[in-house]
Amino acid sequence: MTDSSGDRSKLFPAIEKKHGGPISLWIERLKELGDAKYPEQIAFLRENHAFSQAHANALVMYFRGSETSKRFKNPKEFFASIDPVAAKTAQAIFAAINTKYPDLELVIAWNQPMLRLDTHYIIGLSVAKNHITLNPFSGDVLESFNAKLSKYVVNKHTFQVPIDWKVDAVLLRALATARLKEIK
């Protein structure tokens, strides 16, 4: 079973088993690369030692001082880390959906806030400098809302709203409803 703690060192036993030698050997090899950048370190492990991307990333990021892949313990930490205007908008987005669907759980997944029902993600978002990207986790749901999303930038699986968006609760609830119907 995959470890969900984000602890990069949890991959070390598998790395040692597959590639031989203790992790200290691989750390020394990375040190020998001097001031090599992340892509060069990854390429060194992948091309010269047949590391998978996951193993190479875990080792290089640990070597660079990042012991965990998780940046936020909970949504509150995420919201505290972003621009206050974006945080207010993001919280209003989730509140609009939770008003109709209070059983949806606000969680952090892939270092972003998401509303989830059991193991199914309903809607999530990420914050950029000038916009918030919303993901209903379904290309079909997004496509069925093309007309209602015409004033937004729509990508294959996401759409963008301004950082200071006046939240369209009706639209968000309709997206959530469509996604929930899809997973049932």
N, C-alpha and C. Protein backbone atom coordinates (compact mmCIF):
# COMPACT_ATOMS: atom_id res chain seq x y z
N MET A 1 0.84 -1.19 0.00
CA MET A 1 0.00 0.00 0.00
C MET A 1 0.88 1.24 0.00
N THR A 2 0.49 2.24 -0.73
CA THR A 2 1.24 3.48 -0.83
C THR A 2 1.16 4.26 0.47
N ASP A 3 2.27 4.81 0.88
CA ASP A 3 2.33 5.62 2.09
C ASP A 3 1.77 7.00 1.77
N SER A 4 0.86 7.49 2.61
CA SER A 4 0.26 8.79 2.35
C SER A 4 0.80 9.87 3.29
N SER A 5 1.83 9.54 4.06
CA SER A 5 2.35 10.52 5.02
C SER A 5 3.14 11.63 4.35
N GLY A 6 3.65 11.36 3.14
CA GLY A 6 4.48 12.34 2.45
C GLY A 6 5.94 12.24 2.84
N ASP A 7 6.27 11.39 3.81
CA ASP A 7 7.64 11.22 4.29
C ASP A 7 8.48 10.57 3.19
N ARG A 8 9.41 11.33 2.65
CA ARG A 8 10.22 10.84 1.54
C ARG A 8 11.09 9.65 1.94
N SER A 9 11.51 9.60 3.20
CA SER A 9 12.39 8.52 3.64
C SER A 9 11.69 7.16 3.65
N LYS A 10 10.37 7.15 3.56
CA LYS A 10 9.63 5.88 3.50
C LYS A 10 9.99 5.09 2.24
N LEU A 11 10.51 5.78 1.22
CA LEU A 11 10.93 5.10 -0.02
C LEU A 11 12.34 4.55 0.07
N PHE A 12 13.08 4.91 1.10
CA PHE A 12 14.48 4.50 1.19
C PHE A 12 14.68 2.98 1.20
N PRO A 13 13.90 2.19 1.94
CA PRO A 13 14.10 0.74 1.90
C PRO A 13 13.95 0.17 0.48
N ALA A 14 12.98 0.67 -0.26
CA ALA A 14 12.78 0.20 -1.64
C ALA A 14 13.94 0.62 -2.53
N ILE A 15 14.46 1.83 -2.31
CA ILE A 15 15.61 2.30 -3.09
C ILE A 15 16.83 1.42 -2.79
N GLU A 16 17.08 1.15 -1.51
CA GLU A 16 18.22 0.32 -1.12
C GLU A 16 18.09 -1.08 -1.70
N LYS A 17 16.89 -1.63 -1.66
CA LYS A 17 16.67 -2.98 -2.18
C LYS A 17 16.88 -3.05 -3.69
N LYS A 18 16.34 -2.08 -4.39
CA LYS A 18 16.41 -2.10 -5.85
C LYS A 18 17.79 -1.70 -6.40
N HIS A 19 18.43 -0.72 -5.76
CA HIS A 19 19.66 -0.16 -6.32
C HIS A 19 20.92 -0.53 -5.54
N GLY A 20 20.75 -1.18 -4.41
CA GLY A 20 21.90 -1.63 -3.62
C GLY A 20 22.55 -0.51 -2.83
N GLY A 21 23.20 -0.89 -1.77
CA GLY A 21 23.91 0.08 -0.95
C GLY A 21 22.98 0.88 -0.07
N PRO A 22 23.51 1.43 0.99
CA PRO A 22 22.70 2.26 1.88
C PRO A 22 22.40 3.62 1.24
N ILE A 23 21.41 4.30 1.76
CA ILE A 23 21.04 5.63 1.26
C ILE A 23 22.22 6.58 1.37
N SER A 24 23.06 6.39 2.37
CA SER A 24 24.23 7.27 2.53
C SER A 24 25.13 7.23 1.29
N LEU A 25 25.18 6.08 0.62
CA LEU A 25 25.96 5.96 -0.63
C LEU A 25 25.38 6.89 -1.70
N TRP A 26 24.05 6.88 -1.82
CA TRP A 26 23.39 7.69 -2.85
C TRP A 26 23.47 9.18 -2.50
N ILE A 27 23.43 9.50 -1.22
CA ILE A 27 23.60 10.89 -0.79
C ILE A 27 25.01 11.36 -1.15
N GLU A 28 26.00 10.51 -0.94
CA GLU A 28 27.39 10.86 -1.29
C GLU A 28 27.52 11.08 -2.80
N ARG A 29 26.88 10.25 -3.57
CA ARG A 29 26.94 10.41 -5.04
C ARG A 29 26.31 11.73 -5.46
N LEU A 30 25.23 12.12 -4.81
CA LEU A 30 24.62 13.41 -5.13
C LEU A 30 25.55 14.55 -4.70
N LYS A 31 26.22 14.41 -3.57
CA LYS A 31 27.18 15.43 -3.12
C LYS A 31 28.30 15.60 -4.14
N GLU A 32 28.73 14.51 -4.76
CA GLU A 32 29.80 14.55 -5.75
C GLU A 32 29.42 15.36 -6.99
N LEU A 33 28.14 15.56 -7.20
CA LEU A 33 27.69 16.35 -8.34
C LEU A 33 27.85 17.85 -8.09
N GLY A 34 28.28 18.21 -6.90
CA GLY A 34 28.52 19.63 -6.58
C GLY A 34 27.24 20.43 -6.58
N ASP A 35 27.27 21.55 -7.29
CA ASP A 35 26.11 22.45 -7.29
C ASP A 35 25.14 22.16 -8.44
N ALA A 36 25.04 20.89 -8.82
CA ALA A 36 24.12 20.49 -9.89
C ALA A 36 22.69 20.86 -9.51
N LYS A 37 21.95 21.25 -10.50
CA LYS A 37 20.55 21.62 -10.31
C LYS A 37 19.68 20.35 -10.21
N TYR A 38 18.46 20.54 -9.75
CA TYR A 38 17.52 19.43 -9.57
C TYR A 38 17.42 18.55 -10.83
N PRO A 39 17.18 19.12 -12.03
CA PRO A 39 17.05 18.26 -13.21
C PRO A 39 18.30 17.43 -13.49
N GLU A 40 19.46 18.01 -13.23
CA GLU A 40 20.70 17.28 -13.45
C GLU A 40 20.85 16.14 -12.45
N GLN A 41 20.45 16.37 -11.21
CA GLN A 41 20.52 15.32 -10.20
C GLN A 41 19.56 14.18 -10.54
N ILE A 42 18.36 14.53 -10.95
CA ILE A 42 17.37 13.51 -11.35
C ILE A 42 17.90 12.71 -12.54
N ALA A 43 18.41 13.42 -13.55
CA ALA A 43 18.93 12.74 -14.74
C ALA A 43 20.08 11.81 -14.38
N PHE A 44 20.96 12.23 -13.48
CA PHE A 44 22.07 11.39 -13.04
C PHE A 44 21.56 10.06 -12.48
N LEU A 45 20.58 10.13 -11.61
CA LEU A 45 20.06 8.91 -11.00
C LEU A 45 19.28 8.06 -12.00
N ARG A 46 18.50 8.70 -12.83
CA ARG A 46 17.68 7.95 -13.80
C ARG A 46 18.52 7.34 -14.90
N GLU A 47 19.41 8.13 -15.50
CA GLU A 47 20.16 7.67 -16.66
C GLU A 47 21.34 6.76 -16.29
N ASN A 48 21.99 7.06 -15.19
CA ASN A 48 23.19 6.28 -14.82
C ASN A 48 22.90 5.12 -13.88
N HIS A 49 21.77 5.18 -13.17
CA HIS A 49 21.51 4.16 -12.16
C HIS A 49 20.10 3.58 -12.24
N ALA A 50 19.39 3.87 -13.31
CA ALA A 50 18.06 3.30 -13.59
C ALA A 50 17.04 3.54 -12.49
N PHE A 51 17.13 4.69 -11.82
CA PHE A 51 16.13 5.04 -10.82
C PHE A 51 14.81 5.38 -11.52
N SER A 52 13.70 5.06 -10.89
CA SER A 52 12.41 5.54 -11.37
C SER A 52 12.31 7.02 -11.03
N GLN A 53 11.36 7.71 -11.64
CA GLN A 53 11.17 9.13 -11.32
C GLN A 53 10.81 9.30 -9.85
N ALA A 54 9.96 8.43 -9.33
CA ALA A 54 9.53 8.54 -7.93
C ALA A 54 10.71 8.37 -6.97
N HIS A 55 11.53 7.37 -7.22
CA HIS A 55 12.69 7.14 -6.34
C HIS A 55 13.71 8.26 -6.47
N ALA A 56 13.97 8.69 -7.70
CA ALA A 56 14.93 9.78 -7.90
C ALA A 56 14.44 11.06 -7.23
N ASN A 57 13.16 11.38 -7.40
CA ASN A 57 12.61 12.58 -6.81
C ASN A 57 12.67 12.53 -5.28
N ALA A 58 12.31 11.39 -4.70
CA ALA A 58 12.34 11.26 -3.23
C ALA A 58 13.74 11.48 -2.71
N LEU A 59 14.73 10.88 -3.35
CA LEU A 59 16.12 11.00 -2.88
C LEU A 59 16.65 12.42 -3.09
N VAL A 60 16.45 12.97 -4.26
CA VAL A 60 16.97 14.31 -4.55
C VAL A 60 16.31 15.36 -3.65
N MET A 61 15.00 15.29 -3.51
CA MET A 61 14.32 16.27 -2.66
C MET A 61 14.75 16.12 -1.21
N TYR A 62 14.92 14.91 -0.73
CA TYR A 62 15.41 14.70 0.64
C TYR A 62 16.81 15.29 0.78
N PHE A 63 17.66 15.01 -0.20
CA PHE A 63 19.02 15.55 -0.23
C PHE A 63 19.01 17.08 -0.20
N ARG A 64 18.02 17.67 -0.85
CA ARG A 64 17.91 19.14 -0.91
C ARG A 64 17.23 19.73 0.32
N GLY A 65 16.87 18.89 1.27
CA GLY A 65 16.33 19.38 2.53
C GLY A 65 14.82 19.30 2.68
N SER A 66 14.14 18.74 1.70
CA SER A 66 12.69 18.60 1.77
C SER A 66 12.37 17.16 2.17
N GLU A 67 12.09 16.95 3.44
CA GLU A 67 11.88 15.60 3.94
C GLU A 67 10.47 15.08 3.72
N THR A 68 9.56 15.95 3.35
CA THR A 68 8.18 15.52 3.10
C THR A 68 7.64 16.19 1.84
N SER A 69 6.74 15.49 1.18
CA SER A 69 6.10 16.06 0.00
C SER A 69 4.87 16.88 0.38
N LYS A 70 4.47 16.79 1.63
CA LYS A 70 3.29 17.53 2.09
C LYS A 70 3.70 18.91 2.58
N ARG A 71 3.08 19.93 2.01
CA ARG A 71 3.38 21.30 2.42
C ARG A 71 2.40 21.82 3.46
N PHE A 72 1.20 21.26 3.48
CA PHE A 72 0.16 21.75 4.39
C PHE A 72 -0.46 20.59 5.15
N LYS A 73 -0.63 20.77 6.43
CA LYS A 73 -1.27 19.73 7.25
C LYS A 73 -2.78 19.74 7.08
N ASN A 74 -3.31 20.91 6.77
CA ASN A 74 -4.77 21.02 6.67
C ASN A 74 -5.13 22.25 5.83
N PRO A 75 -6.40 22.38 5.45
CA PRO A 75 -6.82 23.53 4.64
C PRO A 75 -6.51 24.88 5.30
N LYS A 76 -6.62 24.95 6.61
CA LYS A 76 -6.35 26.21 7.31
C LYS A 76 -4.92 26.68 7.02
N GLU A 77 -3.95 25.77 7.05
CA GLU A 77 -2.57 26.13 6.73
C GLU A 77 -2.44 26.60 5.28
N PHE A 78 -3.16 25.93 4.37
CA PHE A 78 -3.13 26.34 2.97
C PHE A 78 -3.64 27.78 2.83
N PHE A 79 -4.81 28.05 3.40
CA PHE A 79 -5.40 29.39 3.27
C PHE A 79 -4.51 30.46 3.89
N ALA A 80 -3.83 30.13 4.96
CA ALA A 80 -2.93 31.09 5.61
C ALA A 80 -1.70 31.38 4.76
N SER A 81 -1.39 30.48 3.84
CA SER A 81 -0.17 30.63 3.03
C SER A 81 -0.36 31.45 1.76
N ILE A 82 -1.61 31.76 1.41
CA ILE A 82 -1.87 32.46 0.14
C ILE A 82 -2.33 33.89 0.39
N ASP A 83 -2.41 34.65 -0.68
CA ASP A 83 -2.88 36.03 -0.65
C ASP A 83 -4.24 36.08 0.07
N PRO A 84 -4.43 37.03 0.98
CA PRO A 84 -5.69 37.10 1.74
C PRO A 84 -6.95 37.22 0.86
N VAL A 85 -6.85 37.94 -0.23
CA VAL A 85 -8.02 38.07 -1.13
C VAL A 85 -8.32 36.72 -1.76
N ALA A 86 -7.29 36.02 -2.21
CA ALA A 86 -7.47 34.69 -2.80
C ALA A 86 -8.01 33.72 -1.76
N ALA A 87 -7.51 33.81 -0.53
CA ALA A 87 -7.98 32.92 0.54
C ALA A 87 -9.46 33.14 0.81
N LYS A 88 -9.87 34.39 0.85
CA LYS A 88 -11.28 34.71 1.08
C LYS A 88 -12.16 34.15 -0.04
N THR A 89 -11.70 34.30 -1.28
CA THR A 89 -12.46 33.78 -2.42
C THR A 89 -12.51 32.26 -2.38
N ALA A 90 -11.37 31.62 -2.13
CA ALA A 90 -11.32 30.16 -2.09
C ALA A 90 -12.24 29.61 -0.99
N GLN A 91 -12.20 30.22 0.17
CA GLN A 91 -13.07 29.77 1.27
C GLN A 91 -14.54 29.97 0.91
N ALA A 92 -14.86 31.05 0.22
CA ALA A 92 -16.24 31.30 -0.20
C ALA A 92 -16.69 30.27 -1.24
N ILE A 93 -15.78 29.84 -2.09
CA ILE A 93 -16.09 28.80 -3.09
C ILE A 93 -16.51 27.52 -2.38
N PHE A 94 -15.70 27.09 -1.42
CA PHE A 94 -16.02 25.85 -0.71
C PHE A 94 -17.27 26.00 0.15
N ALA A 95 -17.44 27.16 0.77
CA ALA A 95 -18.63 27.40 1.60
C ALA A 95 -19.90 27.34 0.76
N ALA A 96 -19.85 27.88 -0.45
CA ALA A 96 -21.02 27.86 -1.33
C ALA A 96 -21.46 26.43 -1.63
N ILE A 97 -20.50 25.56 -1.85
CA ILE A 97 -20.82 24.15 -2.15
C ILE A 97 -21.24 23.43 -0.88
N ASN A 98 -20.52 23.65 0.23
CA ASN A 98 -20.84 22.97 1.49
C ASN A 98 -22.21 23.35 2.04
N THR A 99 -22.72 24.51 1.65
CA THR A 99 -24.06 24.91 2.08
C THR A 99 -25.09 23.89 1.60
N LYS A 100 -24.92 23.44 0.36
CA LYS A 100 -25.85 22.45 -0.20
C LYS A 100 -25.43 21.02 0.15
N TYR A 101 -24.13 20.80 0.23
CA TYR A 101 -23.60 19.45 0.48
C TYR A 101 -22.69 19.45 1.71
N PRO A 102 -23.27 19.49 2.90
CA PRO A 102 -22.46 19.57 4.11
C PRO A 102 -21.65 18.31 4.40
N ASP A 103 -21.97 17.19 3.75
CA ASP A 103 -21.23 15.95 3.98
C ASP A 103 -19.89 15.91 3.24
N LEU A 104 -19.66 16.86 2.35
CA LEU A 104 -18.38 16.89 1.65
C LEU A 104 -17.29 17.35 2.61
N GLU A 105 -16.17 16.67 2.56
CA GLU A 105 -15.06 16.96 3.46
C GLU A 105 -14.02 17.81 2.74
N LEU A 106 -13.60 18.90 3.37
CA LEU A 106 -12.54 19.74 2.82
C LEU A 106 -11.21 19.16 3.27
N VAL A 107 -10.40 18.73 2.30
CA VAL A 107 -9.12 18.08 2.58
C VAL A 107 -8.02 18.71 1.74
N ILE A 108 -6.79 18.36 2.06
CA ILE A 108 -5.66 18.73 1.23
C ILE A 108 -5.21 17.47 0.48
N ALA A 109 -5.13 17.58 -0.84
CA ALA A 109 -4.63 16.50 -1.69
C ALA A 109 -3.77 17.16 -2.77
N TRP A 110 -2.64 16.58 -3.05
CA TRP A 110 -1.69 17.17 -4.00
C TRP A 110 -1.36 18.61 -3.59
N ASN A 111 -1.32 18.86 -2.29
CA ASN A 111 -1.01 20.17 -1.72
C ASN A 111 -2.00 21.26 -2.11
N GLN A 112 -3.22 20.87 -2.44
CA GLN A 112 -4.28 21.81 -2.80
C GLN A 112 -5.55 21.44 -2.05
N PRO A 113 -6.43 22.41 -1.77
CA PRO A 113 -7.69 22.09 -1.09
C PRO A 113 -8.70 21.48 -2.06
N MET A 114 -9.41 20.47 -1.57
CA MET A 114 -10.40 19.75 -2.37
C MET A 114 -11.59 19.38 -1.50
N LEU A 115 -12.75 19.32 -2.12
CA LEU A 115 -13.91 18.75 -1.45
C LEU A 115 -14.03 17.31 -1.90
N ARG A 116 -14.23 16.42 -0.92
CA ARG A 116 -14.21 14.99 -1.20
C ARG A 116 -15.43 14.34 -0.55
N LEU A 117 -15.95 13.33 -1.23
CA LEU A 117 -16.97 12.45 -0.68
C LEU A 117 -16.39 11.05 -0.72
N ASP A 118 -16.14 10.49 0.44
CA ASP A 118 -15.47 9.19 0.57
C ASP A 118 -14.11 9.28 -0.14
N THR A 119 -13.93 8.51 -1.22
CA THR A 119 -12.65 8.54 -1.95
C THR A 119 -12.74 9.34 -3.24
N HIS A 120 -13.88 9.97 -3.48
CA HIS A 120 -14.10 10.70 -4.73
C HIS A 120 -13.94 12.21 -4.53
N TYR A 121 -13.12 12.83 -5.36
CA TYR A 121 -12.96 14.28 -5.32
C TYR A 121 -14.08 14.91 -6.14
N ILE A 122 -14.67 15.95 -5.57
CA ILE A 122 -15.82 16.60 -6.20
C ILE A 122 -15.38 17.88 -6.89
N ILE A 123 -14.65 18.71 -6.17
CA ILE A 123 -14.12 19.94 -6.76
C ILE A 123 -12.90 20.37 -5.95
N GLY A 124 -11.90 20.85 -6.64
CA GLY A 124 -10.70 21.34 -5.99
C GLY A 124 -10.25 22.62 -6.65
N LEU A 125 -9.27 23.25 -6.04
CA LEU A 125 -8.77 24.48 -6.65
C LEU A 125 -7.29 24.66 -6.38
N SER A 126 -6.70 25.49 -7.19
CA SER A 126 -5.32 25.92 -6.97
C SER A 126 -5.28 27.43 -7.21
N VAL A 127 -4.36 28.08 -6.54
CA VAL A 127 -4.28 29.53 -6.60
C VAL A 127 -3.00 29.94 -7.31
N ALA A 128 -3.15 30.78 -8.32
CA ALA A 128 -2.01 31.36 -9.02
C ALA A 128 -1.98 32.86 -8.68
N LYS A 129 -1.04 33.57 -9.25
CA LYS A 129 -0.90 34.99 -8.94
C LYS A 129 -2.14 35.80 -9.31
N ASN A 130 -2.70 35.52 -10.50
CA ASN A 130 -3.80 36.34 -10.99
C ASN A 130 -5.14 35.64 -11.12
N HIS A 131 -5.19 34.36 -10.76
CA HIS A 131 -6.45 33.64 -10.91
C HIS A 131 -6.50 32.42 -9.98
N ILE A 132 -7.69 31.87 -9.87
CA ILE A 132 -7.91 30.61 -9.16
C ILE A 132 -8.38 29.62 -10.21
N THR A 133 -7.78 28.45 -10.21
CA THR A 133 -8.18 27.40 -11.14
C THR A 133 -9.04 26.40 -10.40
N LEU A 134 -10.22 26.14 -10.94
CA LEU A 134 -11.16 25.19 -10.35
C LEU A 134 -11.20 23.91 -11.18
N ASN A 135 -11.26 22.78 -10.49
CA ASN A 135 -11.27 21.49 -11.15
C ASN A 135 -12.43 20.65 -10.63
N PRO A 136 -13.43 20.36 -11.47
CA PRO A 136 -14.54 19.51 -11.05
C PRO A 136 -14.23 18.01 -11.21
N PHE A 137 -13.01 17.67 -11.52
CA PHE A 137 -12.54 16.29 -11.63
C PHE A 137 -13.30 15.47 -12.64
N SER A 138 -13.79 16.12 -13.68
CA SER A 138 -14.49 15.41 -14.74
C SER A 138 -14.53 16.27 -15.99
N GLY A 139 -13.92 15.78 -17.05
CA GLY A 139 -13.99 16.47 -18.33
C GLY A 139 -15.42 16.52 -18.85
N ASP A 140 -16.18 15.45 -18.59
CA ASP A 140 -17.57 15.41 -19.05
C ASP A 140 -18.42 16.45 -18.35
N VAL A 141 -18.25 16.57 -17.03
CA VAL A 141 -19.01 17.58 -16.29
C VAL A 141 -18.63 18.97 -16.80
N LEU A 142 -17.35 19.21 -16.95
CA LEU A 142 -16.91 20.52 -17.42
C LEU A 142 -17.48 20.83 -18.80
N GLU A 143 -17.44 19.84 -19.68
CA GLU A 143 -17.96 20.04 -21.04
C GLU A 143 -19.46 20.33 -21.03
N SER A 144 -20.19 19.70 -20.13
CA SER A 144 -21.63 19.93 -20.08
C SER A 144 -21.98 21.34 -19.58
N PHE A 145 -20.99 22.04 -19.02
CA PHE A 145 -21.20 23.40 -18.53
C PHE A 145 -20.55 24.46 -19.45
N ASN A 146 -20.15 24.06 -20.65
CA ASN A 146 -19.46 24.99 -21.56
C ASN A 146 -20.18 26.32 -21.71
N ALA A 147 -21.47 26.29 -21.92
CA ALA A 147 -22.21 27.55 -22.14
C ALA A 147 -22.17 28.43 -20.88
N LYS A 148 -22.31 27.83 -19.72
CA LYS A 148 -22.32 28.59 -18.48
C LYS A 148 -20.91 29.09 -18.10
N LEU A 149 -19.90 28.47 -18.67
CA LEU A 149 -18.52 28.85 -18.37
C LEU A 149 -17.89 29.71 -19.46
N SER A 150 -18.71 30.17 -20.41
CA SER A 150 -18.17 30.89 -21.57
C SER A 150 -17.41 32.17 -21.21
N LYS A 151 -17.72 32.77 -20.08
CA LYS A 151 -17.01 34.01 -19.72
C LYS A 151 -15.70 33.75 -18.96
N TYR A 152 -15.36 32.48 -18.77
CA TYR A 152 -14.12 32.12 -18.06
C TYR A 152 -13.14 31.46 -19.02
N VAL A 153 -11.89 31.41 -18.61
CA VAL A 153 -10.90 30.64 -19.36
C VAL A 153 -11.13 29.18 -19.00
N VAL A 154 -11.45 28.38 -20.01
CA VAL A 154 -11.73 26.96 -19.78
C VAL A 154 -10.64 26.14 -20.46
N ASN A 155 -10.07 25.22 -19.69
CA ASN A 155 -9.09 24.29 -20.22
C ASN A 155 -9.72 22.91 -20.31
N LYS A 156 -8.94 21.90 -20.61
CA LYS A 156 -9.47 20.56 -20.80
C LYS A 156 -10.22 20.04 -19.57
N HIS A 157 -9.67 20.27 -18.37
CA HIS A 157 -10.29 19.74 -17.15
C HIS A 157 -10.53 20.80 -16.08
N THR A 158 -10.24 22.05 -16.38
CA THR A 158 -10.35 23.11 -15.37
C THR A 158 -10.90 24.39 -15.98
N PHE A 159 -11.26 25.32 -15.10
CA PHE A 159 -11.59 26.67 -15.55
C PHE A 159 -11.03 27.65 -14.53
N GLN A 160 -10.81 28.88 -15.00
CA GLN A 160 -10.18 29.90 -14.16
C GLN A 160 -11.15 31.03 -13.84
N VAL A 161 -11.04 31.49 -12.59
CA VAL A 161 -11.82 32.65 -12.14
C VAL A 161 -10.84 33.66 -11.56
N PRO A 162 -11.23 34.93 -11.51
CA PRO A 162 -10.34 35.95 -10.93
C PRO A 162 -10.10 35.70 -9.43
N ILE A 163 -8.99 36.19 -8.94
CA ILE A 163 -8.66 36.07 -7.52
C ILE A 163 -9.77 36.66 -6.64
N ASP A 164 -10.35 37.76 -7.09
CA ASP A 164 -11.39 38.44 -6.31
C ASP A 164 -12.79 38.14 -6.85
N TRP A 165 -12.98 36.96 -7.37
CA TRP A 165 -14.22 36.54 -8.01
C TRP A 165 -15.42 36.71 -7.08
N LYS A 166 -16.49 37.28 -7.60
CA LYS A 166 -17.76 37.30 -6.88
C LYS A 166 -18.35 35.90 -7.10
N VAL A 167 -18.26 35.09 -6.08
CA VAL A 167 -18.57 33.66 -6.18
C VAL A 167 -19.98 33.43 -6.71
N ASP A 168 -20.05 32.60 -7.76
CA ASP A 168 -21.32 32.21 -8.36
C ASP A 168 -21.74 30.89 -7.71
N ALA A 169 -22.46 31.00 -6.59
CA ALA A 169 -22.84 29.83 -5.81
C ALA A 169 -23.73 28.88 -6.61
N VAL A 170 -24.59 29.42 -7.44
CA VAL A 170 -25.49 28.58 -8.24
C VAL A 170 -24.67 27.71 -9.19
N LEU A 171 -23.71 28.30 -9.86
CA LEU A 171 -22.84 27.56 -10.78
C LEU A 171 -22.06 26.48 -10.02
N LEU A 172 -21.46 26.85 -8.91
CA LEU A 172 -20.65 25.89 -8.14
C LEU A 172 -21.48 24.72 -7.64
N ARG A 173 -22.67 25.00 -7.14
CA ARG A 173 -23.54 23.92 -6.66
C ARG A 173 -23.98 23.02 -7.80
N ALA A 174 -24.24 23.61 -8.95
CA ALA A 174 -24.63 22.81 -10.12
C ALA A 174 -23.47 21.91 -10.57
N LEU A 175 -22.26 22.43 -10.56
CA LEU A 175 -21.09 21.61 -10.89
C LEU A 175 -20.94 20.45 -9.90
N ALA A 176 -21.09 20.76 -8.62
CA ALA A 176 -20.98 19.72 -7.59
C ALA A 176 -22.07 18.67 -7.76
N THR A 177 -23.28 19.12 -8.05
CA THR A 177 -24.40 18.19 -8.26
C THR A 177 -24.10 17.26 -9.43
N ALA A 178 -23.63 17.82 -10.52
CA ALA A 178 -23.32 17.01 -11.71
C ALA A 178 -22.20 16.00 -11.40
N ARG A 179 -21.19 16.43 -10.68
CA ARG A 179 -20.09 15.53 -10.34
C ARG A 179 -20.57 14.42 -9.40
N LEU A 180 -21.40 14.76 -8.44
CA LEU A 180 -21.93 13.76 -7.52
C LEU A 180 -22.80 12.73 -8.25
N LYS A 181 -23.61 13.19 -9.21
CA LYS A 181 -24.43 12.26 -10.01
C LYS A 181 -23.54 11.33 -10.81
N GLU A 182 -22.44 11.85 -11.29
CA GLU A 182 -21.52 11.06 -12.11
C GLU A 182 -20.88 9.92 -11.30
N ILE A 183 -20.55 10.17 -10.05
CA ILE A 183 -19.84 9.14 -9.28
C ILE A 183 -20.78 8.13 -8.63
N LYS A 184 -22.07 8.42 -8.61
CA LYS A 184 -23.04 7.48 -7.98
C LYS A 184 -23.57 6.48 -8.95
